[in-house]
Structure formats: C-alpha cells, structure tokens
N, C-alpha and C. Protein backbone atom coordinates (compact mmCIF):
# COMPACT_ATOMS: atom_id res chain seq x y z
N MET A 1 58.21 95.25 92.49
CA MET A 1 59.50 94.56 92.52
C MET A 1 59.40 93.24 93.28
N GLY A 2 58.57 93.20 94.34
CA GLY A 2 58.43 91.99 95.13
C GLY A 2 57.84 90.84 94.32
N LEU A 3 56.87 91.14 93.47
CA LEU A 3 56.25 90.10 92.64
C LEU A 3 57.27 89.53 91.66
N PHE A 4 58.08 90.39 91.07
CA PHE A 4 59.12 89.96 90.13
C PHE A 4 60.11 89.04 90.83
N TRP A 5 60.53 89.43 92.04
CA TRP A 5 61.49 88.63 92.80
C TRP A 5 60.88 87.27 93.16
N ASN A 6 59.62 87.23 93.53
CA ASN A 6 58.95 85.97 93.84
C ASN A 6 58.91 85.05 92.62
N LEU A 7 58.66 85.62 91.45
CA LEU A 7 58.64 84.82 90.22
C LEU A 7 60.01 84.23 89.93
N ILE A 8 61.05 85.02 90.14
CA ILE A 8 62.42 84.52 89.92
C ILE A 8 62.72 83.37 90.88
N GLN A 9 62.37 83.57 92.16
CA GLN A 9 62.63 82.51 93.15
C GLN A 9 61.84 81.25 92.82
N GLN A 10 60.59 81.41 92.42
CA GLN A 10 59.76 80.25 92.08
C GLN A 10 60.35 79.51 90.89
N SER A 11 60.85 80.26 89.92
CA SER A 11 61.47 79.65 88.75
C SER A 11 62.72 78.86 89.15
N GLN A 12 63.52 79.43 90.05
CA GLN A 12 64.73 78.76 90.51
C GLN A 12 64.39 77.48 91.28
N ILE A 13 63.35 77.54 92.11
CA ILE A 13 62.92 76.35 92.85
C ILE A 13 62.44 75.28 91.88
N SER A 14 61.68 75.68 90.89
CA SER A 14 61.18 74.73 89.89
C SER A 14 62.33 74.09 89.12
N ASN A 15 63.30 74.91 88.72
CA ASN A 15 64.46 74.37 88.01
C ASN A 15 65.24 73.39 88.88
N GLN A 16 65.38 73.71 90.16
CA GLN A 16 66.11 72.82 91.08
C GLN A 16 65.37 71.50 91.24
N ASN A 17 64.04 71.57 91.36
CA ASN A 17 63.25 70.33 91.49
C ASN A 17 63.39 69.47 90.24
N SER A 18 63.38 70.10 89.07
CA SER A 18 63.50 69.32 87.84
C SER A 18 64.88 68.72 87.72
N ARG A 19 65.92 69.44 88.16
CA ARG A 19 67.28 68.87 88.15
C ARG A 19 67.37 67.70 89.10
N ALA A 20 66.75 67.82 90.26
CA ALA A 20 66.80 66.74 91.25
C ALA A 20 66.12 65.49 90.71
N SER A 21 64.95 65.63 90.10
CA SER A 21 64.27 64.45 89.57
C SER A 21 65.05 63.87 88.40
N THR A 22 65.66 64.73 87.60
CA THR A 22 66.50 64.24 86.51
C THR A 22 67.70 63.50 87.07
N LEU A 23 68.29 64.02 88.13
CA LEU A 23 69.43 63.36 88.76
C LEU A 23 69.01 62.02 89.33
N GLU A 24 67.84 61.97 89.97
CA GLU A 24 67.35 60.71 90.52
C GLU A 24 67.13 59.68 89.42
N ALA A 25 66.61 60.11 88.30
CA ALA A 25 66.40 59.20 87.18
C ALA A 25 67.74 58.70 86.64
N ARG A 26 68.72 59.59 86.55
CA ARG A 26 70.05 59.20 86.06
C ARG A 26 70.70 58.20 87.01
N VAL A 27 70.57 58.44 88.31
CA VAL A 27 71.15 57.52 89.30
C VAL A 27 70.47 56.15 89.20
N ALA A 28 69.16 56.14 89.08
CA ALA A 28 68.44 54.87 88.95
C ALA A 28 68.89 54.12 87.70
N TYR A 29 69.06 54.84 86.60
CA TYR A 29 69.52 54.23 85.35
C TYR A 29 70.93 53.66 85.53
N LEU A 30 71.82 54.43 86.14
CA LEU A 30 73.20 53.97 86.33
C LEU A 30 73.26 52.77 87.27
N GLU A 31 72.43 52.76 88.30
CA GLU A 31 72.40 51.61 89.20
C GLU A 31 71.93 50.36 88.46
N SER A 32 70.95 50.52 87.60
CA SER A 32 70.45 49.40 86.80
C SER A 32 71.54 48.89 85.87
N GLU A 33 72.23 49.80 85.20
CA GLU A 33 73.31 49.41 84.30
C GLU A 33 74.45 48.73 85.06
N LEU A 34 74.74 49.20 86.25
CA LEU A 34 75.79 48.58 87.07
C LEU A 34 75.42 47.15 87.42
N ARG A 35 74.15 46.92 87.82
CA ARG A 35 73.70 45.55 88.13
C ARG A 35 73.84 44.64 86.92
N LYS A 36 73.43 45.14 85.74
CA LYS A 36 73.53 44.33 84.52
C LYS A 36 74.99 44.01 84.20
N THR A 37 75.86 44.99 84.38
CA THR A 37 77.29 44.79 84.10
C THR A 37 77.88 43.78 85.07
N GLN A 38 77.51 43.87 86.34
CA GLN A 38 78.01 42.91 87.33
C GLN A 38 77.54 41.50 87.02
N GLU A 39 76.27 41.36 86.64
CA GLU A 39 75.75 40.04 86.29
C GLU A 39 76.49 39.46 85.09
N LEU A 40 76.74 40.28 84.08
CA LEU A 40 77.47 39.82 82.90
C LEU A 40 78.90 39.45 83.26
N LEU A 41 79.52 40.22 84.13
CA LEU A 41 80.89 39.93 84.56
C LEU A 41 80.96 38.59 85.29
N ILE A 42 80.00 38.32 86.14
CA ILE A 42 79.97 37.04 86.87
C ILE A 42 79.79 35.88 85.90
N LYS A 43 78.87 36.03 84.95
CA LYS A 43 78.65 34.97 83.96
C LYS A 43 79.91 34.74 83.12
N THR A 44 80.56 35.82 82.72
CA THR A 44 81.78 35.72 81.92
C THR A 44 82.89 35.04 82.71
N LEU A 45 83.01 35.41 83.98
CA LEU A 45 84.03 34.81 84.83
C LEU A 45 83.81 33.31 84.99
N LYS A 46 82.56 32.90 85.17
CA LYS A 46 82.26 31.47 85.30
C LYS A 46 82.67 30.71 84.05
N VAL A 47 82.34 31.27 82.89
CA VAL A 47 82.70 30.61 81.63
C VAL A 47 84.22 30.54 81.49
N LEU A 48 84.90 31.63 81.80
CA LEU A 48 86.37 31.65 81.71
C LEU A 48 86.99 30.61 82.63
N GLU A 49 86.48 30.51 83.85
CA GLU A 49 87.01 29.53 84.78
C GLU A 49 86.76 28.11 84.28
N GLU A 50 85.55 27.86 83.78
CA GLU A 50 85.23 26.52 83.28
C GLU A 50 86.09 26.16 82.07
N GLU A 51 86.30 27.11 81.19
CA GLU A 51 87.10 26.85 79.97
C GLU A 51 88.58 26.69 80.29
N SER A 52 89.08 27.50 81.24
CA SER A 52 90.52 27.44 81.54
C SER A 52 90.85 26.40 82.61
N GLY A 53 89.83 26.01 83.39
CA GLY A 53 90.08 25.07 84.47
C GLY A 53 90.83 25.69 85.63
N LYS A 54 90.82 27.03 85.71
CA LYS A 54 91.54 27.73 86.78
C LYS A 54 90.57 28.56 87.61
N ASP A 55 90.94 28.73 88.88
CA ASP A 55 90.16 29.57 89.79
C ASP A 55 90.66 31.01 89.63
N ILE A 56 90.01 31.76 88.76
CA ILE A 56 90.47 33.12 88.43
C ILE A 56 90.16 34.11 89.54
N ASN A 57 88.99 34.01 90.16
CA ASN A 57 88.61 35.01 91.16
C ASN A 57 89.02 34.66 92.58
N GLY A 58 89.68 33.51 92.76
CA GLY A 58 90.22 33.15 94.06
C GLY A 58 89.19 32.75 95.10
N ASP A 59 88.04 32.26 94.65
CA ASP A 59 87.00 31.85 95.62
C ASP A 59 87.11 30.38 96.00
N GLY A 60 88.12 29.70 95.47
CA GLY A 60 88.34 28.30 95.84
C GLY A 60 87.57 27.30 95.00
N LYS A 61 86.84 27.76 94.01
CA LYS A 61 86.14 26.82 93.14
C LYS A 61 86.21 27.31 91.70
N ILE A 62 86.00 26.38 90.78
CA ILE A 62 86.08 26.70 89.36
C ILE A 62 84.66 26.70 88.80
N GLY A 63 84.29 27.82 88.19
CA GLY A 63 82.96 27.91 87.60
C GLY A 63 81.94 28.35 88.61
N GLY A 64 81.08 27.46 89.00
CA GLY A 64 79.99 27.63 89.91
C GLY A 64 80.07 28.75 90.84
C-alpha cells in the first residue's frame, strides 16, 4: 500500500509542477501581449492627438 501511495503523491507533484510551468508560460505570454497592446495604444494616441490637434491624454503636449 505504501508504494501505491508514493506513486499517487509523485503523480500529484508532477501534475502540480506541470501546471506551474504552464501558468508561468501563460503569464509570460500575457505580459508580452500587454506590452504590445500598450505600445500600440501609445502610438494610436499620438496619431489621434496629431490629427485632432488636441491633448487627449492630458500630458500637456500634442503628439510627441
């Protein structure tokens, strides 16, 4: 019975490790996507400010 229990525990530890690495990969992917989205948002905001001639984000300047 002890050997069977050890196998179950080892399987659970292995599953947990694989979930953790999968979670780490997902977090890294989401962080990368967030950076790309923020960069696109900044570029879009600059174009909108330049086209409209208004300070949309309230930083005191238009575009740049």
